[in-house]
C-alpha atoms as a PDB file:
ATOM      1  CA  MET A   1      70.975 128.292 134.025  1.00  0.00           C
ATOM      2  CA  GLU A   2      71.395 124.564 134.595  1.00  0.00           C
ATOM      3  CA  ILE A   3      71.976 123.928 138.301  1.00  0.00           C
ATOM      4  CA  PRO A   4      74.341 121.019 139.036  1.00  0.00           C
ATOM      5  CA  PRO A   5      73.420 118.500 141.746  1.00  0.00           C
ATOM      6  CA  ILE A   6      75.077 119.187 145.074  1.00  0.00           C
ATOM      7  CA  SER A   7      76.934 115.855 144.909  1.00  0.00           C
ATOM      8  CA  GLU A   8      78.728 117.038 141.780  1.00  0.00           C
ATOM      9  CA  SER A   9      79.562 120.506 143.050  1.00  0.00           C
ATOM     10  CA  ARG A  10      81.204 119.898 146.432  1.00  0.00           C
ATOM     11  CA  TYR A  11      84.646 119.326 144.925  1.00  0.00           C
ATOM     12  CA  TRP A  12      85.806 120.554 141.534  1.00  0.00           C
ATOM     13  CA  GLU A  13      89.039 119.251 140.055  1.00  0.00           C
ATOM     14  CA  LEU A  14      90.835 122.288 138.729  1.00  0.00           C
ATOM     15  CA  HIS A  15      91.824 120.708 135.455  1.00  0.00           C
ATOM     16  CA  GLU A  16      88.144 119.977 134.835  1.00  0.00           C
ATOM     17  CA  ILE A  17      87.287 123.619 135.474  1.00  0.00           C
ATOM     18  CA  SER A  18      90.030 124.608 133.057  1.00  0.00           C
ATOM     19  CA  ASP A  19      88.787 122.245 130.381  1.00  0.00           C
ATOM     20  CA  LYS A  20      85.199 123.378 130.819  1.00  0.00           C
ATOM     21  CA  TYR A  21      85.860 127.103 130.899  1.00  0.00           C
ATOM     22  CA  ASN A  22      89.054 127.196 128.823  1.00  0.00           C
ATOM     23  CA  PHE A  23      91.208 128.704 131.586  1.00  0.00           C
ATOM     24  CA  ASP A  24      94.956 128.968 131.291  1.00  0.00           C
ATOM     25  CA  LEU A  25      96.319 126.254 133.597  1.00  0.00           C
ATOM     26  CA  VAL A  26      99.432 128.080 134.806  1.00  0.00           C
ATOM     27  CA  SER A  27      97.822 131.390 135.693  1.00  0.00           C
ATOM     28  CA  LEU A  28      94.845 129.598 137.289  1.00  0.00           C
ATOM     29  CA  ASN A  29      97.107 127.615 139.586  1.00  0.00           C
ATOM     30  CA  GLU A  30      99.012 130.776 140.550  1.00  0.00           C
ATOM     31  CA  TYR A  31      95.694 132.463 141.348  1.00  0.00           C
ATOM     32  CA  LEU A  32      94.681 129.651 143.680  1.00  0.00           C
ATOM     33  CA  ILE A  33      97.969 129.398 145.532  1.00  0.00           C
ATOM     34  CA  GLN A  34      98.097 133.161 146.015  1.00  0.00           C
ATOM     35  CA  PHE A  35      94.530 133.543 147.303  1.00  0.00           C
ATOM     36  CA  ALA A  36      94.368 130.352 149.367  1.00  0.00           C
ATOM     37  CA  SER A  37      97.647 131.124 151.101  1.00  0.00           C
ATOM     38  CA  TYR A  38      96.629 134.728 151.788  1.00  0.00           C
ATOM     39  CA  TYR A  39      93.347 133.703 153.417  1.00  0.00           C
ATOM     40  CA  GLY A  40      94.777 130.656 155.207  1.00  0.00           C
ATOM     41  CA  ARG A  41      92.733 128.200 153.143  1.00  0.00           C
ATOM     42  CA  PHE A  42      95.576 126.065 151.816  1.00  0.00           C
ATOM     43  CA  ALA A  43      95.944 122.411 152.872  1.00  0.00           C
ATOM     44  CA  GLY A  44      98.033 119.500 151.678  1.00  0.00           C
ATOM     45  CA  ILE A  45      96.047 116.463 150.576  1.00  0.00           C
ATOM     46  CA  ARG A  46      97.696 114.387 153.301  1.00  0.00           C
ATOM     47  CA  GLU A  47      96.385 116.830 155.902  1.00  0.00           C
ATOM     48  CA  VAL A  48      92.755 116.457 154.868  1.00  0.00           C
ATOM     49  CA  ASP A  49      92.154 113.658 157.368  1.00  0.00           C
ATOM     50  CA  ALA A  50      93.248 116.004 160.147  1.00  0.00           C
ATOM     51  CA  LEU A  51      90.524 118.440 159.099  1.00  0.00           C
ATOM     52  CA  SER A  52      87.923 115.807 159.941  1.00  0.00           C
ATOM     53  CA  ARG A  53      89.120 115.162 163.479  1.00  0.00           C
ATOM     54  CA  ASP A  54      87.354 116.669 166.471  1.00  0.00           C
ATOM     55  CA  ALA A  55      87.918 120.407 166.674  1.00  0.00           C
ATOM     56  CA  TYR A  56      88.024 120.333 170.468  1.00  0.00           C
ATOM     57  CA  ASP A  57      88.017 118.002 173.450  1.00  0.00           C
ATOM     58  CA  SER A  58      84.364 117.193 174.067  1.00  0.00           C
ATOM     59  CA  SER A  59      84.925 115.173 177.232  1.00  0.00           C
ATOM     60  CA  GLY A  60      83.609 117.929 179.503  1.00  0.00           C
ATOM     61  CA  LEU A  61      80.464 118.657 177.495  1.00  0.00           C
ATOM     62  CA  THR A  62      77.008 117.726 178.702  1.00  0.00           C
ATOM     63  CA  GLU A  63      74.458 115.753 176.718  1.00  0.00           C
ATOM     64  CA  TYR A  64      70.936 116.820 175.839  1.00  0.00           C
ATOM     65  CA  ASP A  65      68.060 114.410 175.506  1.00  0.00           C
ATOM     66  CA  PRO A  66      66.583 114.843 172.004  1.00  0.00           C
ATOM     67  CA  MET A  67      63.284 113.492 173.353  1.00  0.00           C
ATOM     68  CA  LEU A  68      62.870 116.885 175.072  1.00  0.00           C
ATOM     69  CA  ILE A  69      62.588 118.650 171.718  1.00  0.00           C
ATOM     70  CA  GLU A  70      58.888 119.304 171.191  1.00  0.00           C
ATOM     71  CA  ASN A  71      58.721 122.380 168.945  1.00  0.00           C
ATOM     72  CA  TRP A  72      60.822 124.395 166.508  1.00  0.00           C
ATOM     73  CA  HIS A  73      62.047 126.757 169.221  1.00  0.00           C
ATOM     74  CA  ASP A  74      63.492 123.728 171.021  1.00  0.00           C
ATOM     75  CA  MET A  75      65.048 122.586 167.753  1.00  0.00           C
ATOM     76  CA  VAL A  76      66.838 125.896 167.181  1.00  0.00           C
ATOM     77  CA  ARG A  77      68.073 125.959 170.779  1.00  0.00           C
ATOM     78  CA  TYR A  78      69.336 122.376 170.382  1.00  0.00           C
ATOM     79  CA  MET A  79      71.404 123.254 167.301  1.00  0.00           C
ATOM     80  CA  LEU A  80      72.787 126.409 168.893  1.00  0.00           C
ATOM     81  CA  MET A  81      73.873 124.418 171.939  1.00  0.00           C
ATOM     82  CA  TYR A  82      75.833 122.191 169.573  1.00  0.00           C
ATOM     83  CA  LEU A  83      77.461 125.101 167.755  1.00  0.00           C
ATOM     84  CA  PHE A  84      78.357 126.757 171.055  1.00  0.00           C
ATOM     85  CA  GLN A  85      79.936 123.455 172.163  1.00  0.00           C
ATOM     86  CA  ARG A  86      77.520 122.982 175.071  1.00  0.00           C
ATOM     87  CA  ILE A  87      76.738 119.457 173.845  1.00  0.00           C
ATOM     88  CA  SER A  88      79.096 117.071 172.082  1.00  0.00           C
ATOM     89  CA  LYS A  89      76.729 115.555 169.518  1.00  0.00           C
ATOM     90  CA  THR A  90      73.229 115.703 168.079  1.00  0.00           C
ATOM     91  CA  VAL A  91      70.885 113.261 166.387  1.00  0.00           C
ATOM     92  CA  PHE A  92      72.335 114.589 163.118  1.00  0.00           C
ATOM     93  CA  TYR A  93      76.025 114.369 164.096  1.00  0.00           C
ATOM     94  CA  ASP A  94      77.573 111.583 166.116  1.00  0.00           C
ATOM     95  CA  GLY A  95      80.394 113.653 167.575  1.00  0.00           C
ATOM     96  CA  ALA A  96      81.912 117.118 167.556  1.00  0.00           C
ATOM     97  CA  TYR A  97      82.090 119.143 164.353  1.00  0.00           C
ATOM     98  CA  ASN A  98      85.358 119.081 162.439  1.00  0.00           C
ATOM     99  CA  THR A  99      88.077 121.697 162.172  1.00  0.00           C
ATOM    100  CA  GLU A 100      86.789 123.017 158.850  1.00  0.00           C
ATOM    101  CA  THR A 101      83.601 124.190 160.553  1.00  0.00           C
ATOM    102  CA  LEU A 102      85.623 126.606 162.693  1.00  0.00           C
ATOM    103  CA  TYR A 103      86.249 128.710 159.570  1.00  0.00           C
ATOM    104  CA  ILE A 104      82.514 129.357 159.211  1.00  0.00           C
ATOM    105  CA  LEU A 105      81.352 128.887 162.809  1.00  0.00           C
ATOM    106  CA  ASN A 106      80.340 132.524 163.460  1.00  0.00           C
ATOM    107  CA  PRO A 107      78.170 132.889 160.326  1.00  0.00           C
ATOM    108  CA  LEU A 108      76.594 129.476 161.014  1.00  0.00           C
ATOM    109  CA  ILE A 109      75.653 130.662 164.502  1.00  0.00           C
ATOM    110  CA  ASP A 110      74.232 133.872 163.018  1.00  0.00           C
ATOM    111  CA  ILE A 111      72.104 131.891 160.553  1.00  0.00           C
ATOM    112  CA  ASN A 112      70.779 129.581 163.270  1.00  0.00           C
ATOM    113  CA  THR A 113      69.792 132.516 165.486  1.00  0.00           C
ATOM    114  CA  THR A 114      67.353 133.594 162.746  1.00  0.00           C
ATOM    115  CA  GLY A 115      65.330 130.429 163.297  1.00  0.00           C
ATOM    116  CA  ILE A 116      66.669 128.630 160.230  1.00  0.00           C
ATOM    117  CA  ILE A 117      68.992 125.782 161.145  1.00  0.00           C
ATOM    118  CA  THR A 118      72.051 124.573 159.244  1.00  0.00           C
ATOM    119  CA  LEU A 119      72.626 120.828 159.098  1.00  0.00           C
ATOM    120  CA  ASP A 120      75.326 120.539 156.430  1.00  0.00           C
ATOM    121  CA  SER A 121      77.990 123.013 155.284  1.00  0.00           C
ATOM    122  CA  GLU A 122      81.540 123.446 154.044  1.00  0.00           C
ATOM    123  CA  PRO A 123      83.852 126.460 153.691  1.00  0.00           C
ATOM    124  CA  GLY A 124      85.815 127.326 150.572  1.00  0.00           C
ATOM    125  CA  PHE A 125      89.143 125.488 150.677  1.00  0.00           C
ATOM    126  CA  PHE A 126      92.119 124.792 148.428  1.00  0.00           C
ATOM    127  CA  ILE A 127      93.490 121.256 148.797  1.00  0.00           C
ATOM    128  CA  SER A 128      96.730 120.326 147.104  1.00  0.00           C
ATOM    129  CA  GLU A 129      99.062 117.355 146.903  1.00  0.00           C
ATOM    130  CA  ASN A 130     101.473 119.259 144.672  1.00  0.00           C
ATOM    131  CA  PRO A 131     100.916 123.023 144.163  1.00  0.00           C
ATOM    132  CA  TYR A 132     102.828 122.888 140.871  1.00  0.00           C
ATOM    133  CA  ASP A 133     100.745 120.100 139.317  1.00  0.00           C
ATOM    134  CA  ILE A 134      97.281 121.284 138.328  1.00  0.00           C
ATOM    135  CA  ARG A 135      96.023 117.682 138.203  1.00  0.00           C
ATOM    136  CA  LEU A 136      96.669 117.220 141.924  1.00  0.00           C
ATOM    137  CA  ASN A 137      94.854 120.338 143.135  1.00  0.00           C
ATOM    138  CA  PHE A 138      91.245 120.564 144.267  1.00  0.00           C
ATOM    139  CA  LEU A 139      88.973 123.499 144.965  1.00  0.00           C
ATOM    140  CA  GLN A 140      86.349 122.824 147.620  1.00  0.00           C
ATOM    141  CA  LEU A 141      83.387 125.092 146.983  1.00  0.00           C
ATOM    142  CA  PRO A 142      81.423 126.468 149.955  1.00  0.00           C
ATOM    143  CA  TYR A 143      77.793 125.550 150.491  1.00  0.00           C
ATOM    144  CA  VAL A 144      75.244 125.358 153.282  1.00  0.00           C
ATOM    145  CA  GLN A 145      72.044 123.410 153.863  1.00  0.00           C
ATOM    146  CA  LEU A 146      69.219 125.512 155.284  1.00  0.00           C
ATOM    147  CA  VAL A 147      66.278 123.848 157.034  1.00  0.00           C
ATOM    148  CA  GLY A 148      63.232 125.926 157.872  1.00  0.00           C
ATOM    149  CA  LYS A 149      59.644 126.690 156.986  1.00  0.00           C
ATOM    150  CA  LYS A 150      59.088 125.787 153.368  1.00  0.00           C
ATOM    151  CA  TRP A 151      57.376 129.049 152.414  1.00  0.00           C
ATOM    152  CA  PHE A 152      60.320 131.017 153.781  1.00  0.00           C
ATOM    153  CA  LEU A 153      62.823 128.903 151.844  1.00  0.00           C
ATOM    154  CA  GLU A 154      60.777 129.561 148.698  1.00  0.00           C
ATOM    155  CA  ARG A 155      61.172 133.290 149.355  1.00  0.00           C
ATOM    156  CA  ILE A 156      64.930 132.799 149.703  1.00  0.00           C
ATOM    157  CA  VAL A 157      65.119 131.022 146.336  1.00  0.00           C
ATOM    158  CA  GLN A 158      63.098 133.775 144.665  1.00  0.00           C
ATOM    159  CA  GLU A 159      65.397 136.434 146.121  1.00  0.00           C
ATOM    160  CA  VAL A 160      68.584 134.574 145.168  1.00  0.00           C
ATOM    161  CA  LEU A 161      67.464 134.121 141.569  1.00  0.00           C
ATOM    162  CA  SER A 162      66.559 137.821 141.329  1.00  0.00           C
ATOM    163  CA  LEU A 163      69.878 139.067 142.740  1.00  0.00           C
ATOM    164  CA  ASN A 164      72.769 140.247 140.604  1.00  0.00           C
ATOM    165  CA  ASN A 165      75.080 137.702 142.231  1.00  0.00           C
ATOM    166  CA  SER A 166      77.382 135.808 139.887  1.00  0.00           C
ATOM    167  CA  TYR A 167      78.286 133.117 142.394  1.00  0.00           C
ATOM    168  CA  MET A 168      75.504 132.212 144.835  1.00  0.00           C
ATOM    169  CA  THR A 169      72.977 129.715 143.511  1.00  0.00           C
ATOM    170  CA  PRO A 170      70.462 127.123 144.750  1.00  0.00           C
ATOM    171  CA  PHE A 171      71.458 123.500 144.158  1.00  0.00           C
ATOM    172  CA  MET A 172      69.201 120.648 143.221  1.00  0.00           C
ATOM    173  CA  VAL A 173      69.063 117.556 145.436  1.00  0.00           C
ATOM    174  CA  GLU A 174      67.210 114.546 144.066  1.00  0.00           C
ATOM    175  CA  ASP A 175      65.745 116.743 141.319  1.00  0.00           C
ATOM    176  CA  LYS A 176      64.319 119.250 143.810  1.00  0.00           C
ATOM    177  CA  ILE A 177      65.559 122.649 144.899  1.00  0.00           C
ATOM    178  CA  ILE A 178      63.479 122.588 148.099  1.00  0.00           C
ATOM    179  CA  LYS A 179      63.026 119.125 149.551  1.00  0.00           C
ATOM    180  CA  ASP A 180      60.255 118.287 152.037  1.00  0.00           C
ATOM    181  CA  TYR A 181      61.880 117.677 155.409  1.00  0.00           C
ATOM    182  CA  ASN A 182      59.119 117.004 157.963  1.00  0.00           C
ATOM    183  CA  ASP A 183      59.543 113.233 157.771  1.00  0.00           C
ATOM    184  CA  VAL A 184      63.309 113.479 158.300  1.00  0.00           C
ATOM    185  CA  LEU A 185      62.930 115.706 161.356  1.00  0.00           C
ATOM    186  CA  ILE A 186      60.179 113.643 162.968  1.00  0.00           C
ATOM    187  CA  ARG A 187      62.068 110.419 162.353  1.00  0.00           C
ATOM    188  CA  LYS A 188      65.075 111.860 164.191  1.00  0.00           C
ATOM    189  CA  LEU A 189      63.016 113.635 166.839  1.00  0.00           C
ATOM    190  CA  PRO A 190      59.767 111.701 167.501  1.00  0.00           C
ATOM    191  CA  ASN A 191      58.402 114.239 170.018  1.00  0.00           C
ATOM    192  CA  LEU A 192      58.870 117.193 167.664  1.00  0.00           C
ATOM    193  CA  GLU A 193      55.520 118.695 166.684  1.00  0.00           C
ATOM    194  CA  LEU A 194      55.528 120.571 163.373  1.00  0.00           C
ATOM    195  CA  ARG A 195      52.420 122.537 162.492  1.00  0.00           C
ATOM    196  CA  GLU A 196      53.789 123.746 159.158  1.00  0.00           C
ATOM    197  CA  GLN A 197      55.620 122.205 156.242  1.00  0.00           C
ATOM    198  CA  PHE A 198      59.396 122.388 156.635  1.00  0.00           C
ATOM    199  CA  GLY A 199      61.933 121.998 153.883  1.00  0.00           C
ATOM    200  CA  SER A 200      65.627 121.733 153.072  1.00  0.00           C
ATOM    201  CA  LEU A 201      67.501 124.056 150.705  1.00  0.00           C
ATOM    202  CA  TYR A 202      71.140 123.991 149.615  1.00  0.00           C
ATOM    203  CA  LEU A 203      72.830 127.250 148.630  1.00  0.00           C
ATOM    204  CA  GLY A 204      76.372 127.296 147.274  1.00  0.00           C
ATOM    205  CA  VAL A 205      78.644 128.776 144.647  1.00  0.00           C
ATOM    206  CA  ILE A 206      79.778 127.788 141.181  1.00  0.00           C
ATOM    207  CA  PRO A 207      82.922 128.935 139.340  1.00  0.00           C
ATOM    208  CA  PRO A 208      82.645 131.889 136.942  1.00  0.00           C
ATOM    209  CA  LYS A 209      82.736 131.304 133.205  1.00  0.00           C
ATOM    210  CA  SER A 210      85.355 133.987 132.644  1.00  0.00           C
ATOM    211  CA  GLN A 211      88.926 133.756 133.902  1.00  0.00           C
ATOM    212  CA  ASN A 212      88.863 137.538 134.382  1.00  0.00           C
ATOM    213  CA  LEU A 213      86.381 137.007 137.224  1.00  0.00           C
ATOM    214  CA  PHE A 214      88.328 134.253 138.926  1.00  0.00           C
ATOM    215  CA  GLY A 215      90.180 136.551 141.338  1.00  0.00           C
ATOM    216  CA  ASN A 216      86.915 138.016 142.634  1.00  0.00           C
ATOM    217  CA  PHE A 217      85.453 134.519 142.817  1.00  0.00           C
ATOM    218  CA  LEU A 218      88.296 133.205 144.996  1.00  0.00           C
ATOM    219  CA  GLU A 219      88.041 136.201 147.300  1.00  0.00           C
ATOM    220  CA  TYR A 220      84.304 135.542 147.554  1.00  0.00           C
ATOM    221  CA  ILE A 221      84.699 131.928 148.659  1.00  0.00           C
ATOM    222  CA  PHE A 222      87.762 132.351 150.900  1.00  0.00           C
ATOM    223  CA  THR A 223      86.248 135.279 152.843  1.00  0.00           C
ATOM    224  CA  ASP A 224      82.988 133.337 153.385  1.00  0.00           C
ATOM    225  CA  GLN A 225      80.986 136.049 151.663  1.00  0.00           C
ATOM    226  CA  LEU A 226      78.430 133.405 150.676  1.00  0.00           C
ATOM    227  CA  PHE A 227      77.393 132.944 154.309  1.00  0.00           C
ATOM    228  CA  LYS A 228      77.324 136.697 154.949  1.00  0.00           C
ATOM    229  CA  ASP A 229      75.108 137.191 151.892  1.00  0.00           C
ATOM    230  CA  ILE A 230      72.737 134.488 153.135  1.00  0.00           C
ATOM    231  CA  ILE A 231      72.431 136.159 156.552  1.00  0.00           C
ATOM    232  CA  ASN A 232      71.670 139.531 154.927  1.00  0.00           C
ATOM    233  CA  LEU A 233      69.151 137.861 152.637  1.00  0.00           C
ATOM    234  CA  ILE A 234      67.313 136.220 155.537  1.00  0.00           C
ATOM    235  CA  ASP A 235      67.246 139.511 157.451  1.00  0.00           C
ATOM    236  CA  ARG A 236      65.769 141.369 154.460  1.00  0.00           C
ATOM    237  CA  ILE A 237      63.039 138.800 153.965  1.00  0.00           C
ATOM    238  CA  MET A 238      62.145 138.822 157.677  1.00  0.00           C
ATOM    239  CA  ILE A 239      61.901 142.614 157.708  1.00  0.00           C
ATOM    240  CA  ALA A 240      59.730 142.527 154.565  1.00  0.00           C
ATOM    241  CA  CYS A 241      57.420 139.953 156.207  1.00  0.00           C
ATOM    242  CA  ILE A 242      57.102 142.092 159.346  1.00  0.00           C
ATOM    243  CA  ASN A 243      56.275 145.211 157.324  1.00  0.00           C
ATOM    244  CA  ALA A 244      53.857 143.444 154.996  1.00  0.00           C
END
């Protein structure tokens, strides 16, 4: 399977999906409106800017000196403080996370508590300027960036590729599925000491090739099943490592 770059998979224009997979435009649009409305994932294109505004008033939050981060345990705690709204920004984000993140906040917290941090993510969303014009509708596909020990990310990729999952897939970034990330982390956090090689991995979903599967696909992305599957996958690998 050819894996598209993450930059090309974040937003799919629906008419392009239809052209590529030969979907019927009318029934496809009805599918999207029905599922997105049911799961509360429907937004007008003019409301998209509002989704990027601060999700909460961060004026009462305390700051945390990133120079205090010396090991990976500190790093995980730092990111959890951000997700729990104990600090208003990090060296990776200059401000509070946006409203979209609230849709996937709980699974992101669950992933970070495993010791793998998430630095970039989006939920599944249907964005429309005109629900009756297929050319003005966009399907935002969910994805998440995982940063952790490189050997563990390699195990995740092996497990994902061996699963009978029609939707979840690793994405390539700059021609690599797992990108070395030590330099990025140390540049942001000069006191961070890393004794192992850390990497970055993007996992996301791609549309099915059959229109008959599109209903299940939309339910998968609008219920955030991708993130739940990732959590279960990490748990299984950790248990296997403990029992090995």
